[in-house]
Amino acid sequence: MVTSTSIGTQTLLEVKNLSVDYSAANGVVHAVDKVSFTLKRGEILGLAGESGCGKSTMAYAITRLLRPPAYITGGEVLYYPPEGRQRSPVISKLTQSGNATEGMADGAIDILQLTPAQLRLFRWNELSIVFQSAMNALNPVLNIGTQIMDVLKTHRPELGPDQRQRRAIELLNLVGIASDRLKSYPHELSGGMRQRAVIAIALALNPELIVMDEPTTALDVVVQREILELISSLCKDFSMALIFITHDLSLLLELADKVAIMYAGKMVEKATSKDLYLHPRHPYSHGLLNSFPNLHGPRRRMGGIPGSPPDLRAVPPGCSFHPRCPMAFGPCQSVQPVLKPASAADIGDNAQLVACHLYDPRFASAELPTQEQFAAGYASLIEGGKAR
């Protein structure tokens, strides 16, 4: 997705050991547990996993949109302003306020340490978000043009009314909406047009990073295709980084440069889209990939992942996936796996990382399981009624 090698190799966001808990009367829910990853400028990172695995919670933690009873209990979210943007008024104000991380090169900003006033500067200018439901994200009593121009009026007060209107029309055209829809209300737009309008608002100030939380939910497949093509072209044209969250792994394989699989609040595998599709390493990733049909090739019986995700108030010891895993063995029940390269050949930025004891030389045998063995293991669990 990146048009320039120099841009593509520049780290934009670095998340270190991010943890989020929800306080509840019957126990603490560990929604995100020490998740770490890096995102480069212009890169599209997809987050996938079953409902409740922590995808959206992590997105809201990164954007500082969590509210009680959710609490960030640890970690750092470091934002590295790209060259040419480090001297912008917004970044200058933030770094002069003492929020550049001490000892970090290039004046990295820890988003988790920003004050509310600084967050108002940072959001939309550097980072924006597209929420899951466009109908709920848009104000039903304001027309689309007013909602776009409100962003410009707040963050670009130097622009006059005519300039704001021209920019709003430009943004609508950019996402494929005719300018005569500027005065339309959300209920007068189709689902796809509402989603495009929300994307237009997110693009208003040309941010470096956009977080999209299931933006194609409840849209039909034709509109999904249009939205994905729009997102892909915008990232190419503006060299924006994107975190795309969905439970539909098939979407990510087509859109994202890299895909991260989450389970029970942890990241269990991260790889390029091609590597994940051709040879998923984690048994959970294999189960997700085989939960939707292929468009081509011979017919095959569809299966699923037996059982249910664990209660995050009492995550099983060891590997949290082991009660549902067809390849589980002794250490899986007591030793927690660590996300690391699947093999010695996996080095560099595109290394395939996996949190599974099958690839740990301390426990694994010389012969690693094949995809056929994964499939056979799931089939035996399903057919034998051994879902745990």
Protein backbone atom coordinates (compact mmCIF):
# COMPACT_ATOMS: atom_id res chain seq x y z
CA MET A 1 0.00 0.00 0.00
CA VAL A 2 3.01 2.33 0.41
CA THR A 3 4.21 4.34 -2.57
CA SER A 4 7.61 5.36 -1.16
CA THR A 5 10.24 3.15 0.42
CA SER A 6 11.42 5.94 2.71
CA ILE A 7 7.88 6.53 3.93
CA GLY A 8 7.16 2.83 4.34
CA THR A 9 10.14 2.28 6.63
CA GLN A 10 9.22 5.06 9.03
CA THR A 11 7.61 4.03 12.32
CA LEU A 12 4.50 6.07 13.04
CA LEU A 13 2.98 4.35 16.07
CA GLU A 14 4.50 2.03 18.65
CA VAL A 15 2.30 0.29 21.20
CA LYS A 16 4.17 -1.26 24.15
CA ASN A 17 2.58 -3.69 26.61
CA LEU A 18 -0.82 -2.01 26.50
CA SER A 19 -3.25 -3.38 29.10
CA VAL A 20 -6.89 -2.47 29.71
CA ASP A 21 -9.22 -3.75 32.44
CA TYR A 22 -12.93 -3.33 33.07
CA SER A 23 -14.02 -3.08 36.68
CA ALA A 24 -17.10 -5.14 37.53
CA ALA A 25 -18.85 -6.17 40.71
CA ASN A 26 -18.11 -9.83 40.07
CA GLY A 27 -14.44 -9.44 39.08
CA VAL A 28 -11.99 -7.57 36.88
CA VAL A 29 -12.25 -8.20 33.13
CA HIS A 30 -8.79 -8.28 31.51
CA ALA A 31 -9.88 -7.04 28.08
CA VAL A 32 -6.40 -6.25 26.69
CA ASP A 33 -3.35 -7.94 28.17
CA LYS A 34 0.12 -6.56 27.35
CA VAL A 35 -0.34 -6.09 23.62
CA SER A 36 2.59 -4.67 21.63
CA PHE A 37 3.00 -3.79 17.94
CA THR A 38 4.42 -1.14 15.62
CA LEU A 39 2.78 0.60 12.67
CA LYS A 40 4.64 2.32 9.85
CA ARG A 41 3.52 5.33 7.90
CA GLY A 42 1.26 4.33 5.03
CA GLU A 43 0.79 0.80 6.38
CA ILE A 44 -2.57 -0.92 6.86
CA LEU A 45 -2.76 -3.17 9.90
CA GLY A 46 -5.80 -5.40 10.27
CA LEU A 47 -7.02 -6.66 13.64
CA ALA A 48 -9.20 -9.75 13.60
CA GLY A 49 -10.71 -12.13 16.11
CA GLU A 50 -13.99 -13.25 17.63
CA SER A 51 -16.29 -10.79 19.37
CA GLY A 52 -14.98 -9.94 22.82
CA CYS A 53 -11.30 -10.57 22.05
CA GLY A 54 -10.31 -6.95 22.79
CA LYS A 55 -10.07 -5.40 19.31
CA SER A 56 -12.31 -2.39 19.87
CA THR A 57 -11.12 -1.89 23.45
CA MET A 58 -7.56 -1.60 22.19
CA ALA A 59 -8.62 0.90 19.51
CA TYR A 60 -10.41 3.07 22.06
CA ALA A 61 -7.40 2.85 24.37
CA ILE A 62 -5.08 4.06 21.60
CA THR A 63 -7.41 6.98 20.84
CA ARG A 64 -8.04 7.67 24.56
CA LEU A 65 -11.80 7.24 24.19
CA LEU A 66 -12.27 4.71 26.99
CA ARG A 67 -14.52 5.66 29.88
CA PRO A 68 -15.12 4.02 33.25
CA PRO A 69 -15.46 1.21 34.10
CA ALA A 70 -12.63 0.74 31.57
CA TYR A 71 -9.12 1.66 32.75
CA ILE A 72 -5.74 1.59 31.04
CA THR A 73 -3.61 -0.28 33.57
CA GLY A 74 -0.25 -0.22 31.82
CA GLY A 75 1.77 0.36 28.69
CA GLU A 76 2.73 3.13 26.30
CA VAL A 77 1.32 4.38 23.01
CA LEU A 78 4.10 6.33 21.27
CA TYR A 79 3.38 8.51 18.24
CA TYR A 80 6.31 9.55 16.05
CA PRO A 81 5.49 12.66 13.97
CA PRO A 82 6.69 12.12 10.39
CA GLU A 83 9.30 14.40 8.88
CA GLY A 84 7.72 17.58 7.62
CA ARG A 85 5.07 17.39 10.32
CA GLN A 86 7.32 17.72 13.35
CA ARG A 87 7.33 21.52 13.07
CA SER A 88 3.57 21.83 12.59
CA PRO A 89 1.73 24.05 15.11
CA VAL A 90 -0.03 21.05 16.68
CA ILE A 91 3.14 19.00 17.22
CA SER A 92 5.08 22.05 18.39
CA LYS A 93 2.50 22.78 21.06
CA LEU A 94 2.50 19.17 22.26
CA THR A 95 6.26 18.80 22.45
CA GLN A 96 6.71 22.19 24.11
CA SER A 97 4.24 21.06 26.79
CA GLY A 98 6.64 18.34 27.92
CA ASN A 99 4.79 15.39 26.43
CA ALA A 100 7.59 14.27 24.15
CA THR A 101 8.79 11.06 25.73
CA GLU A 102 12.06 11.67 27.53
CA GLY A 103 15.03 9.99 25.95
CA MET A 104 13.15 9.09 22.77
CA ALA A 105 14.49 10.12 19.39
CA ASP A 106 12.44 12.35 17.09
CA GLY A 107 10.28 13.65 19.95
CA ALA A 108 7.94 10.70 20.32
CA ILE A 109 4.64 11.61 21.99
CA ASP A 110 3.08 9.26 24.53
CA ILE A 111 -0.64 9.54 23.78
CA LEU A 112 -1.53 8.08 27.16
CA GLN A 113 0.15 11.02 28.92
CA LEU A 114 -1.64 13.81 27.04
CA THR A 115 -3.95 16.09 29.01
CA PRO A 116 -7.55 16.64 27.83
CA ALA A 117 -6.58 19.97 26.24
CA GLN A 118 -3.66 18.35 24.43
CA LEU A 119 -5.88 15.49 23.27
CA ARG A 120 -8.20 18.00 21.61
CA LEU A 121 -5.20 19.24 19.65
CA PHE A 122 -3.96 15.76 18.81
CA ARG A 123 -7.21 14.09 17.76
CA TRP A 124 -8.45 14.70 14.21
CA ASN A 125 -5.20 16.57 13.39
CA GLU A 126 -2.92 13.54 13.82
CA LEU A 127 -5.29 10.67 14.60
CA SER A 128 -8.95 10.15 13.80
CA ILE A 129 -11.42 7.31 14.19
CA VAL A 130 -14.30 5.88 12.16
CA PHE A 131 -16.80 4.29 14.51
CA GLN A 132 -18.58 0.99 14.03
CA SER A 133 -22.08 2.29 13.36
CA ALA A 134 -22.24 5.33 11.09
CA MET A 135 -25.90 5.94 11.92
CA ASN A 136 -25.06 6.24 15.61
CA ALA A 137 -21.83 8.18 15.00
CA LEU A 138 -23.58 10.94 13.04
CA ASN A 139 -25.78 13.54 14.73
CA PRO A 140 -29.33 12.92 13.41
CA VAL A 141 -30.43 16.58 13.77
CA LEU A 142 -27.51 18.13 11.85
CA ASN A 143 -26.96 17.82 8.12
CA ILE A 144 -23.79 16.23 6.77
CA GLY A 145 -22.21 19.51 5.71
CA THR A 146 -22.62 21.05 9.14
CA GLN A 147 -20.99 18.04 10.81
CA ILE A 148 -17.97 18.21 8.49
CA MET A 149 -17.65 21.97 8.86
CA ASP A 150 -17.87 21.74 12.65
CA VAL A 151 -14.57 19.86 12.63
CA LEU A 152 -12.99 22.54 10.45
CA LYS A 153 -14.45 25.37 12.53
CA THR A 154 -13.08 23.88 15.76
CA HIS A 155 -9.60 22.94 14.55
CA ARG A 156 -9.08 25.45 11.73
CA PRO A 157 -10.59 28.69 13.08
CA GLU A 158 -8.63 30.72 10.53
CA LEU A 159 -10.85 29.35 7.74
CA GLY A 160 -13.85 31.44 6.77
CA PRO A 161 -17.37 30.07 6.10
CA ASP A 162 -16.83 29.88 2.33
CA GLN A 163 -13.51 28.07 2.74
CA ARG A 164 -15.06 25.56 5.13
CA GLN A 165 -17.89 24.88 2.70
CA ARG A 166 -15.48 24.38 -0.21
CA ARG A 167 -13.45 21.96 1.89
CA ALA A 168 -16.60 20.05 2.88
CA ILE A 169 -17.62 19.71 -0.77
CA GLU A 170 -14.08 18.58 -1.63
CA LEU A 171 -14.22 15.89 1.09
CA LEU A 172 -17.61 14.61 -0.07
CA ASN A 173 -16.35 14.35 -3.66
CA LEU A 174 -13.27 12.55 -2.37
CA VAL A 175 -15.40 9.77 -0.86
CA GLY A 176 -17.79 9.59 -3.80
CA ILE A 177 -20.73 11.68 -2.56
CA ALA A 178 -22.23 14.39 -4.75
CA SER A 179 -21.94 17.96 -3.48
CA ASP A 180 -25.73 18.41 -3.51
CA ARG A 181 -25.84 16.03 -0.52
CA LEU A 182 -24.12 18.63 1.65
CA LYS A 183 -27.44 19.61 3.24
CA SER A 184 -28.79 16.07 3.55
CA TYR A 185 -29.49 14.61 6.98
CA PRO A 186 -28.19 11.15 7.98
CA HIS A 187 -31.62 9.52 7.64
CA GLU A 188 -31.75 10.69 4.01
CA LEU A 189 -28.61 8.74 3.11
CA SER A 190 -28.14 5.03 2.50
CA GLY A 191 -25.96 2.95 4.81
CA GLY A 192 -23.03 3.11 2.42
CA MET A 193 -23.32 6.87 1.99
CA ARG A 194 -23.46 7.39 5.76
CA GLN A 195 -20.29 5.36 6.13
CA ARG A 196 -18.63 7.43 3.41
CA ALA A 197 -19.70 10.61 5.20
CA VAL A 198 -18.08 9.43 8.44
CA ILE A 199 -14.88 8.66 6.52
CA ALA A 200 -15.02 12.18 5.03
CA ILE A 201 -15.18 13.66 8.55
CA ALA A 202 -12.19 11.53 9.59
CA LEU A 203 -10.22 12.86 6.59
CA ALA A 204 -11.09 16.52 7.18
CA LEU A 205 -7.72 17.51 8.71
CA ASN A 206 -5.50 15.06 6.79
CA PRO A 207 -4.46 12.92 9.79
CA GLU A 208 -1.50 10.56 9.65
CA LEU A 209 -3.41 7.68 11.28
CA ILE A 210 -7.03 6.54 11.07
CA VAL A 211 -8.58 3.83 13.22
CA MET A 212 -11.61 2.13 11.64
CA ASP A 213 -13.75 -0.01 13.91
CA GLU A 214 -15.71 -2.44 11.72
CA PRO A 215 -16.72 0.25 9.19
CA THR A 216 -18.44 -2.24 6.87
CA THR A 217 -20.69 -3.87 9.50
CA ALA A 218 -24.35 -4.18 8.38
CA LEU A 219 -23.49 -3.25 4.78
CA ASP A 220 -24.21 -5.60 1.89
CA VAL A 221 -21.31 -7.20 0.05
CA VAL A 222 -21.47 -4.84 -2.93
CA VAL A 223 -21.26 -1.74 -0.72
CA GLN A 224 -18.55 -3.43 1.36
CA ARG A 225 -16.48 -3.80 -1.79
CA GLU A 226 -16.94 -0.13 -2.65
CA ILE A 227 -15.95 1.01 0.85
CA LEU A 228 -12.85 -1.22 0.86
CA GLU A 229 -11.74 0.08 -2.53
CA LEU A 230 -12.26 3.63 -1.29
CA ILE A 231 -10.22 3.01 1.87
CA SER A 232 -7.41 1.38 -0.08
CA SER A 233 -7.17 4.20 -2.61
CA LEU A 234 -7.23 6.89 0.11
CA CYS A 235 -4.38 5.23 2.00
CA LYS A 236 -2.33 5.08 -1.21
CA ASP A 237 -3.08 8.65 -2.22
CA PHE A 238 -2.36 10.24 1.16
CA SER A 239 0.18 7.77 2.62
CA MET A 240 -2.02 7.37 5.70
CA ALA A 241 -1.59 4.57 8.18
CA LEU A 242 -4.70 2.61 9.03
CA ILE A 243 -5.76 0.25 11.80
CA PHE A 244 -8.72 -1.69 10.41
CA ILE A 245 -10.73 -3.72 12.92
CA THR A 246 -13.14 -6.47 11.93
CA HIS A 247 -14.21 -9.99 12.81
CA ASP A 248 -14.30 -10.83 9.08
CA LEU A 249 -10.83 -12.12 8.28
CA SER A 250 -11.58 -12.41 4.56
CA LEU A 251 -11.85 -8.62 4.33
CA LEU A 252 -8.45 -8.10 5.91
CA LEU A 253 -6.67 -10.54 3.63
CA GLU A 254 -7.59 -8.34 0.69
CA LEU A 255 -7.12 -4.93 2.28
CA ALA A 256 -4.36 -5.07 4.89
CA ASP A 257 -0.59 -5.19 4.51
CA LYS A 258 -0.30 -7.04 7.83
CA VAL A 259 -2.86 -8.88 9.94
CA ALA A 260 -2.82 -9.38 13.70
CA ILE A 261 -5.02 -12.06 15.26
CA MET A 262 -6.31 -11.45 18.78
CA TYR A 263 -7.73 -13.96 21.24
CA ALA A 264 -8.78 -13.39 24.86
CA GLY A 265 -7.14 -9.98 25.01
CA LYS A 266 -3.79 -11.09 23.58
CA MET A 267 -2.19 -10.97 20.16
CA VAL A 268 -1.59 -14.60 19.14
CA GLU A 269 -0.28 -14.14 15.59
CA LYS A 270 0.95 -11.32 13.37
CA ALA A 271 2.01 -11.74 9.76
CA THR A 272 1.68 -10.30 6.28
CA SER A 273 -1.67 -10.99 4.65
CA LYS A 274 -0.04 -13.38 2.19
CA ASP A 275 1.78 -15.40 4.86
CA LEU A 276 -1.30 -15.65 7.05
CA TYR A 277 -3.45 -16.82 4.15
CA LEU A 278 -1.00 -19.36 2.75
CA HIS A 279 0.28 -20.84 6.02
CA PRO A 280 -1.34 -19.68 9.25
CA ARG A 281 0.81 -20.81 12.18
CA HIS A 282 -1.51 -20.57 15.17
CA PRO A 283 -4.33 -23.16 15.42
CA TYR A 284 -6.76 -20.32 16.15
CA SER A 285 -5.76 -18.49 12.96
CA HIS A 286 -6.30 -21.70 11.01
CA GLY A 287 -9.75 -22.09 12.55
CA LEU A 288 -10.72 -18.53 11.60
CA LEU A 289 -9.51 -18.95 8.02
CA ASN A 290 -11.52 -22.12 7.63
CA SER A 291 -14.71 -20.60 9.00
CA PHE A 292 -15.63 -19.03 5.66
CA PRO A 293 -15.88 -20.72 2.23
CA ASN A 294 -13.53 -20.33 -0.70
CA LEU A 295 -14.98 -18.74 -3.83
CA HIS A 296 -13.04 -21.12 -6.05
CA GLY A 297 -11.93 -24.73 -5.91
CA PRO A 298 -13.63 -27.93 -4.84
CA ARG A 299 -16.43 -28.06 -2.33
CA ARG A 300 -15.51 -28.70 1.25
CA ARG A 301 -17.47 -29.11 4.42
CA MET A 302 -17.35 -25.96 6.52
CA GLY A 303 -16.34 -26.27 10.12
CA GLY A 304 -15.88 -23.86 12.94
CA ILE A 305 -13.91 -23.46 16.11
CA PRO A 306 -15.61 -25.58 18.75
CA GLY A 307 -16.40 -24.13 22.14
CA SER A 308 -16.54 -20.49 23.20
CA PRO A 309 -13.98 -17.82 24.12
CA PRO A 310 -13.00 -17.86 27.80
CA ASP A 311 -14.43 -15.64 30.51
CA LEU A 312 -11.95 -12.75 30.69
CA ARG A 313 -12.47 -12.55 34.45
CA ALA A 314 -10.90 -15.99 34.78
CA VAL A 315 -8.68 -16.72 31.77
CA PRO A 316 -7.38 -20.33 31.74
CA PRO A 317 -3.75 -20.78 32.83
CA GLY A 318 -1.11 -21.33 30.19
CA CYS A 319 -2.36 -20.75 26.66
CA SER A 320 -5.85 -19.28 26.84
CA PHE A 321 -6.83 -21.14 23.64
CA HIS A 322 -5.83 -24.62 24.85
CA PRO A 323 -9.38 -25.73 25.90
CA ARG A 324 -10.47 -25.33 22.26
CA CYS A 325 -7.24 -26.28 20.50
CA PRO A 326 -6.95 -29.54 18.53
CA MET A 327 -3.15 -29.50 18.87
CA ALA A 328 -2.90 -28.77 22.61
CA PHE A 329 -0.35 -30.75 24.61
CA GLY A 330 1.18 -30.69 28.10
CA PRO A 331 2.86 -27.23 28.36
CA CYS A 332 -0.20 -25.53 26.85
CA GLN A 333 -2.09 -26.00 30.12
CA SER A 334 0.46 -24.35 32.37
CA VAL A 335 3.01 -22.23 30.43
CA GLN A 336 1.89 -18.99 28.81
CA PRO A 337 3.22 -18.68 25.24
CA VAL A 338 5.06 -15.54 24.06
CA LEU A 339 4.62 -13.83 20.70
CA LYS A 340 7.85 -14.45 18.79
CA PRO A 341 9.10 -15.55 15.33
CA ALA A 342 7.69 -18.86 14.20
CA SER A 343 11.09 -19.98 12.88
CA ALA A 344 14.68 -18.83 12.61
CA ALA A 345 13.95 -17.74 9.04
CA ASP A 346 11.35 -15.23 10.23
CA ILE A 347 13.39 -12.06 10.63
CA GLY A 348 12.87 -8.41 9.82
CA ASP A 349 9.73 -6.29 9.65
CA ASN A 350 7.72 -8.95 7.81
CA ALA A 351 8.53 -11.78 10.21
CA GLN A 352 5.62 -14.06 11.03
CA LEU A 353 5.11 -13.93 14.80
CA VAL A 354 3.11 -16.50 16.74
CA ALA A 355 2.34 -17.20 20.39
CA CYS A 356 2.20 -20.99 20.36
CA HIS A 357 4.23 -23.75 22.01
CA LEU A 358 4.20 -25.73 18.77
CA TYR A 359 7.00 -23.42 17.61
CA ASP A 360 8.88 -23.20 20.89
CA PRO A 361 12.08 -25.29 20.70
CA ARG A 362 11.76 -26.04 24.42
CA PHE A 363 8.61 -28.05 23.84
CA ALA A 364 8.03 -28.68 20.14
CA SER A 365 9.05 -31.81 18.29
CA ALA A 366 11.24 -31.69 15.20
CA GLU A 367 8.24 -31.94 12.83
CA LEU A 368 5.76 -29.08 13.00
CA PRO A 369 2.08 -29.73 12.27
CA THR A 370 0.84 -29.16 8.72
CA GLN A 371 -2.35 -27.36 7.77
CA GLU A 372 -3.88 -30.74 6.98
CA GLN A 373 -3.18 -31.86 10.54
CA PHE A 374 -4.81 -28.70 11.89
CA ALA A 375 -7.89 -29.42 9.76
CA ALA A 376 -8.01 -33.06 10.83
CA GLY A 377 -7.73 -32.05 14.48
CA TYR A 378 -10.67 -29.65 14.24
CA ALA A 379 -12.72 -32.21 12.33
CA SER A 380 -12.22 -34.79 15.06
CA LEU A 381 -13.24 -32.30 17.75
CA ILE A 382 -16.39 -31.31 15.89
CA GLU A 383 -17.47 -34.76 14.76
CA GLY A 384 -16.64 -36.39 18.08
CA GLY A 385 -18.52 -33.77 20.07
CA LYS A 386 -15.41 -32.91 22.04
CA ALA A 387 -15.86 -29.15 21.99
CA ARG A 388 -14.56 -27.96 25.33
